[in-house]
């Protein structure tokens, strides 16, 4: 499977201007559309009814093109055009008078995956590395496409974004379990499965379902963090020969009892310096790297940091 280049209403005049909002014989420009949301399930569905797509680790975005103006809205309808300036510039090369595109703003990693932490860092600067991965087309040149079957909407979207920096999210018509296995093996976020001939359904429904990858690894505890005197998670490391390499920070999966137990176990191991072979910028309370933690996570970044980690217990 080759990875390619990798209810809220907003005033219509604020989005498209009075002159752009509908002509005779055409559907009125709808403004911001409450997005379709996927329902989390335990197993990727199979059968000819479904198309499968890669689940990306980024910000959901809705791109609005009205003549020469481009606006980008978040899932909740906030205008983030300035924060996603690079995506807006890319969208200006799309050949459409009016369009509404649904997609995900991501920051591609060196290994071809998407990394939310990298995306957040990018947004602190000029965001030159971010891209839009487009997966649905809701409106185009006066035509509301939301009642069309998904496969038809995607076919039009693929043509629309061709030869631009906007990337198209391919669909795969393969057995769901096979898709999920491959996606998880290469460190991607998970799978979103969609009814092939379904309309665009606003809100959460079972026309779109998602399954995220979960992996487990035993990692070394390098330190812990306190925020205002309260437990704020563990710093993790991965052995590479004799060196300990930073593997991320886990701050989910703790309750009061487990946090107290960890603090009691780690306090006698406190040391002054970081145990990592290469110093990291984070502040923490560092410990001798003797205790091991079982960590569940969705994927790893190109640098080996666990993404969306959850503490499952000591080993």
Protein backbone atom coordinates (compact mmCIF):
# COMPACT_ATOMS: atom_id res chain seq x y z
CA UNK A 1 0.00 0.00 0.00
CA UNK A 2 1.79 3.10 -1.16
CA UNK A 3 1.27 6.20 0.87
CA UNK A 4 0.74 9.28 -1.28
CA UNK A 5 2.77 12.45 -0.95
CA UNK A 6 2.17 11.45 1.77
CA UNK A 7 -24.60 22.29 14.94
CA UNK A 8 -22.84 25.44 14.39
CA UNK A 9 -23.80 28.17 11.96
CA UNK A 10 -21.64 31.03 10.77
CA UNK A 11 -22.96 34.17 9.11
CA UNK A 12 -22.91 33.44 5.36
CA UNK A 13 -21.89 36.96 4.47
CA UNK A 14 -18.86 36.60 6.77
CA UNK A 15 -17.72 33.54 4.84
CA UNK A 16 -18.56 34.22 1.24
CA UNK A 17 -19.72 37.79 0.79
CA UNK A 18 -23.23 38.72 -0.36
CA UNK A 19 -22.41 38.50 -4.09
CA UNK A 20 -21.15 34.89 -3.81
CA UNK A 21 -24.10 33.39 -1.99
CA UNK A 22 -26.17 31.68 -4.61
CA UNK A 23 -27.53 32.42 -8.06
CA UNK A 24 -30.70 31.26 -9.80
CA UNK A 25 -30.64 27.56 -10.61
CA UNK A 26 -27.83 26.85 -8.17
CA UNK A 27 -27.75 25.76 -4.56
CA UNK A 28 -27.11 28.57 -2.09
CA UNK A 29 -23.68 28.57 -0.53
CA UNK A 30 -24.17 26.95 2.91
CA UNK A 31 -21.29 28.53 4.83
CA UNK A 32 -19.71 26.41 7.55
CA UNK A 33 -21.03 22.84 7.61
CA UNK A 34 -21.03 20.86 10.85
CA UNK A 35 -18.61 18.03 10.00
CA UNK A 36 -19.30 14.33 9.78
CA UNK A 37 -17.68 12.47 12.68
CA UNK A 38 -16.60 8.83 12.90
CA UNK A 39 -17.86 6.52 15.63
CA UNK A 40 -15.19 4.50 17.46
CA UNK A 41 -15.61 0.73 17.17
CA UNK A 42 -13.50 -2.30 18.11
CA UNK A 43 -12.91 -3.92 14.70
CA UNK A 44 -12.52 -2.60 11.16
CA UNK A 45 -15.58 -3.66 9.11
CA UNK A 46 -15.26 -5.71 5.92
CA UNK A 47 -17.33 -6.15 2.80
CA UNK A 48 -18.04 -4.33 -0.43
CA UNK A 49 -20.13 -1.75 1.43
CA UNK A 50 -17.02 -0.09 2.91
CA UNK A 51 -14.12 2.08 1.79
CA UNK A 52 -11.11 2.30 4.11
CA UNK A 53 -8.88 5.33 4.61
CA UNK A 54 -5.83 6.07 6.73
CA UNK A 55 -6.62 7.88 9.98
CA UNK A 56 -4.32 10.87 10.24
CA UNK A 57 -2.96 12.51 13.39
CA UNK A 58 -3.71 16.19 12.89
CA UNK A 59 -6.31 18.96 13.06
CA UNK A 60 -9.67 18.50 11.34
CA UNK A 61 -10.18 21.37 8.91
CA UNK A 62 -12.85 22.62 6.53
CA UNK A 63 -11.54 24.67 3.61
CA UNK A 64 -13.84 27.25 2.02
CA UNK A 65 -13.00 28.75 -1.37
CA UNK A 66 -15.09 31.63 -2.63
CA UNK A 67 -13.65 33.24 -5.77
CA UNK A 68 -10.21 34.50 -4.68
CA UNK A 69 -10.85 34.21 -0.93
CA UNK A 70 -9.90 31.15 1.13
CA UNK A 71 -10.94 30.53 4.71
CA UNK A 72 -10.13 27.55 6.91
CA UNK A 73 -12.34 26.51 9.81
CA UNK A 74 -11.72 24.08 12.65
CA UNK A 75 -14.06 21.23 13.53
CA UNK A 76 -16.02 23.60 15.79
CA UNK A 77 -16.20 26.39 13.23
CA UNK A 78 -13.41 28.67 14.44
CA UNK A 79 -11.57 30.62 11.75
CA UNK A 80 -7.95 29.41 11.77
CA UNK A 81 -6.98 30.79 8.37
CA UNK A 82 -4.07 32.75 9.84
CA UNK A 83 -2.73 29.75 11.77
CA UNK A 84 -3.05 27.56 8.67
CA UNK A 85 -1.67 30.21 6.31
CA UNK A 86 0.39 27.71 4.32
CA UNK A 87 -2.67 25.48 3.73
CA UNK A 88 -4.67 28.52 2.62
CA UNK A 89 -1.95 29.38 0.10
CA UNK A 90 -2.02 25.80 -1.22
CA UNK A 91 -5.81 25.91 -1.55
CA UNK A 92 -5.65 29.08 -3.69
CA UNK A 93 -4.25 26.94 -6.51
CA UNK A 94 -7.41 24.83 -6.64
CA UNK A 95 -9.37 25.57 -9.81
CA UNK A 96 -12.83 26.31 -8.37
CA UNK A 97 -15.00 29.38 -8.02
CA UNK A 98 -16.59 28.06 -4.83
CA UNK A 99 -15.83 24.91 -2.89
CA UNK A 100 -16.01 23.34 0.56
CA UNK A 101 -13.41 20.67 1.24
CA UNK A 102 -13.24 18.46 4.34
CA UNK A 103 -9.86 17.23 5.45
CA UNK A 104 -7.07 17.05 8.03
CA UNK A 105 -4.15 19.43 8.47
CA UNK A 106 -1.05 17.36 9.25
CA UNK A 107 2.71 17.65 9.62
CA UNK A 108 4.38 14.76 7.75
CA UNK A 109 7.29 13.09 9.56
CA UNK A 110 10.44 11.81 7.91
CA UNK A 111 9.10 8.23 8.01
CA UNK A 112 5.88 9.14 6.18
CA UNK A 113 3.64 9.12 9.24
CA UNK A 114 1.92 12.18 10.72
CA UNK A 115 2.88 13.51 14.13
CA UNK A 116 0.57 15.75 16.15
CA UNK A 117 3.41 17.02 18.37
CA UNK A 118 5.36 18.08 15.27
CA UNK A 119 2.22 19.80 13.98
CA UNK A 120 1.83 21.76 17.21
CA UNK A 121 5.45 22.87 17.05
CA UNK A 122 5.01 23.89 13.42
CA UNK A 123 2.05 26.09 14.33
CA UNK A 124 4.25 28.04 16.74
CA UNK A 125 6.29 29.26 13.76
CA UNK A 126 5.50 29.89 10.12
CA UNK A 127 4.06 26.41 9.56
CA UNK A 128 5.86 25.78 6.26
CA UNK A 129 5.77 21.99 6.58
CA UNK A 130 2.05 21.48 7.17
CA UNK A 131 -0.24 20.15 4.44
CA UNK A 132 -3.94 19.50 3.97
CA UNK A 133 -4.99 15.90 3.36
CA UNK A 134 -8.40 16.23 1.67
CA UNK A 135 -10.91 13.40 2.03
CA UNK A 136 -14.33 14.82 1.09
CA UNK A 137 -15.93 17.45 -1.12
CA UNK A 138 -19.18 19.00 0.13
CA UNK A 139 -19.83 21.84 -2.29
CA UNK A 140 -18.47 22.82 -5.70
CA UNK A 141 -19.33 25.74 -7.98
CA UNK A 142 -22.94 26.14 -6.89
CA UNK A 143 -23.66 22.43 -6.39
CA UNK A 144 -24.28 20.92 -2.97
CA UNK A 145 -22.69 17.46 -3.19
CA UNK A 146 -23.58 16.16 0.26
CA UNK A 147 -26.35 13.84 -0.98
CA UNK A 148 -24.14 12.22 -3.59
CA UNK A 149 -22.55 8.83 -2.80
CA UNK A 150 -19.14 9.08 -1.14
CA UNK A 151 -17.29 7.44 -4.01
CA UNK A 152 -18.62 10.07 -6.42
CA UNK A 153 -17.66 12.94 -4.11
CA UNK A 154 -14.15 11.53 -3.75
CA UNK A 155 -13.77 11.09 -7.51
CA UNK A 156 -14.56 14.77 -8.04
CA UNK A 157 -12.26 15.76 -5.16
CA UNK A 158 -9.35 13.79 -6.60
CA UNK A 159 -9.60 15.67 -9.90
CA UNK A 160 -10.03 18.99 -8.12
CA UNK A 161 -6.83 18.80 -6.04
CA UNK A 162 -4.66 17.14 -8.70
CA UNK A 163 -1.50 19.11 -9.48
CA UNK A 164 -1.75 21.15 -6.27
CA UNK A 165 0.04 20.87 -2.92
CA UNK A 166 -3.22 19.66 -1.34
CA UNK A 167 -2.93 15.92 -0.87
CA UNK A 168 -5.73 13.48 -1.61
CA UNK A 169 -6.67 10.80 0.92
CA UNK A 170 -6.91 7.58 -1.06
CA UNK A 171 -9.53 4.94 -0.26
CA UNK A 172 -8.76 1.24 -0.25
CA UNK A 173 -11.26 -1.47 -1.15
CA UNK A 174 -9.60 -4.36 0.67
CA UNK A 175 -10.50 -6.62 3.58
CA UNK A 176 -10.78 -4.49 6.74
CA UNK A 177 -8.55 -6.68 8.91
CA UNK A 178 -5.79 -6.64 6.30
CA UNK A 179 -5.96 -2.86 6.06
CA UNK A 180 -5.79 -2.45 9.83
CA UNK A 181 -2.86 -4.85 10.23
CA UNK A 182 -0.79 -3.07 7.61
CA UNK A 183 -1.59 0.42 8.91
CA UNK A 184 -0.55 -0.50 12.46
CA UNK A 185 2.61 -2.29 11.34
CA UNK A 186 3.95 0.83 9.65
CA UNK A 187 3.13 3.06 12.62
CA UNK A 188 0.09 4.96 11.38
CA UNK A 189 -2.74 6.25 13.54
CA UNK A 190 -5.49 3.83 12.52
CA UNK A 191 -8.27 3.29 9.98
CA UNK A 192 -11.43 5.23 9.15
CA UNK A 193 -14.02 3.14 7.27
CA UNK A 194 -16.86 4.82 5.38
CA UNK A 195 -20.00 3.57 3.64
CA UNK A 196 -19.07 3.63 -0.03
CA UNK A 197 -22.37 4.95 -1.38
CA UNK A 198 -23.34 6.97 1.69
CA UNK A 199 -24.21 10.69 1.75
CA UNK A 200 -22.33 13.20 3.89
CA UNK A 201 -24.02 12.93 7.30
CA UNK A 202 -23.47 15.82 9.70
CA UNK A 203 -22.54 14.84 13.24
CA UNK A 204 -21.50 11.46 14.57
CA UNK A 205 -22.95 8.43 12.82
CA UNK A 206 -22.09 4.84 11.95
CA UNK A 207 -21.68 5.68 8.26
CA UNK A 208 -18.13 6.59 9.28
CA UNK A 209 -16.39 4.40 11.87
CA UNK A 210 -12.83 4.41 13.17
CA UNK A 211 -10.40 1.99 14.81
CA UNK A 212 -7.10 3.21 16.25
CA UNK A 213 -3.95 1.14 16.50
CA UNK A 214 -2.80 0.16 19.97
CA UNK A 215 0.69 -1.15 20.62
CA UNK A 216 2.46 -2.06 23.84
CA UNK A 217 6.07 -1.74 24.87
CA UNK A 218 8.05 -2.05 28.08
CA UNK A 219 10.01 1.19 28.56
CA UNK A 220 12.44 2.44 31.20
CA UNK A 221 11.33 5.14 33.65
CA UNK A 222 13.84 8.00 33.50
CA UNK A 223 12.02 10.47 35.72
CA UNK A 224 8.69 11.94 36.74
CA UNK A 225 7.00 15.31 36.63
CA UNK A 226 5.05 17.31 39.17
CA UNK A 227 2.76 20.20 38.34
CA UNK A 228 1.96 22.41 41.28
CA UNK A 229 3.05 19.61 43.56
CA UNK A 230 0.65 17.15 41.88
CA UNK A 231 1.53 14.11 39.79
CA UNK A 232 2.08 14.99 36.13
CA UNK A 233 3.39 11.82 34.52
CA UNK A 234 6.53 9.83 33.71
CA UNK A 235 9.48 10.43 31.42
CA UNK A 236 10.32 7.34 29.41
CA UNK A 237 13.42 5.91 27.81
CA UNK A 238 14.30 3.11 25.41
CA UNK A 239 17.55 1.15 25.65
CA UNK A 240 19.87 1.30 22.67
CA UNK A 241 22.94 -0.67 23.64
CA UNK A 242 24.23 0.96 26.81
CA UNK A 243 22.50 4.27 26.05
CA UNK A 244 19.05 5.37 27.21
CA UNK A 245 17.22 7.30 24.48
CA UNK A 246 14.26 9.60 25.22
CA UNK A 247 10.99 7.89 24.27
CA UNK A 248 8.42 10.47 25.33
CA UNK A 249 6.31 11.40 28.34
CA UNK A 250 3.18 9.60 29.51
CA UNK A 251 0.59 11.52 31.51
CA UNK A 252 -2.49 9.31 31.07
CA UNK A 253 -3.47 6.09 32.81
CA UNK A 254 -2.82 7.15 36.39
CA UNK A 255 -5.22 7.33 39.30
CA UNK A 256 -4.49 8.65 42.81
CA UNK A 257 -3.38 5.26 44.09
CA UNK A 258 -1.02 4.46 41.20
CA UNK A 259 0.47 7.96 41.25
CA UNK A 260 1.15 7.68 45.00
CA UNK A 261 2.69 4.22 44.58
CA UNK A 262 4.95 5.41 41.74
CA UNK A 263 6.09 8.43 43.70
CA UNK A 264 6.97 6.21 46.68
CA UNK A 265 8.87 3.76 44.46
CA UNK A 266 10.75 6.47 42.57
CA UNK A 267 11.68 8.87 45.37
CA UNK A 268 14.57 6.70 46.68
CA UNK A 269 15.96 6.57 43.11
CA UNK A 270 16.18 10.35 42.58
CA UNK A 271 19.41 11.62 41.00
CA UNK A 272 20.62 15.10 40.02
CA UNK A 273 21.24 14.52 36.32
CA UNK A 274 19.22 13.15 33.42
CA UNK A 275 19.88 9.48 32.68
CA UNK A 276 19.52 10.03 28.93
CA UNK A 277 22.51 9.73 26.60
CA UNK A 278 21.38 12.99 24.97
CA UNK A 279 19.99 15.69 27.22
CA UNK A 280 16.36 16.79 26.61
CA UNK A 281 14.90 20.25 27.20
CA UNK A 282 12.17 19.13 29.61
CA UNK A 283 12.31 19.75 33.34
CA UNK A 284 11.71 16.75 35.54
CA UNK A 285 12.69 14.89 38.67
CA UNK A 286 15.21 12.40 37.35
CA UNK A 287 15.75 8.91 38.71
CA UNK A 288 18.11 5.98 38.30
CA UNK A 289 16.73 4.04 35.31
CA UNK A 290 15.86 0.88 37.20
CA UNK A 291 12.07 0.57 37.02
CA UNK A 292 10.19 -0.52 33.90
CA UNK A 293 6.72 0.60 32.78
CA UNK A 294 4.26 -1.12 30.47
CA UNK A 295 3.05 1.53 28.00
CA UNK A 296 0.21 1.32 25.48
CA UNK A 297 0.40 3.74 22.55
CA UNK A 298 -0.93 4.24 19.04
CA UNK A 299 2.26 4.81 17.11
CA UNK A 300 5.83 6.10 17.31
CA UNK A 301 7.29 9.26 15.80
CA UNK A 302 10.29 9.17 13.50
CA UNK A 303 12.46 9.89 16.56
CA UNK A 304 10.99 6.93 18.44
CA UNK A 305 8.73 8.89 20.79
CA UNK A 306 5.49 7.13 21.69
CA UNK A 307 2.32 8.93 20.59
CA UNK A 308 -0.85 9.01 22.72
CA UNK A 309 0.75 6.86 25.45
CA UNK A 310 -1.17 5.35 28.38
CA UNK A 311 0.45 3.92 31.50
CA UNK A 312 -0.70 0.33 32.09
CA UNK A 313 1.46 -0.59 35.10
CA UNK A 314 4.95 -1.46 36.30
CA UNK A 315 6.73 -4.53 34.99
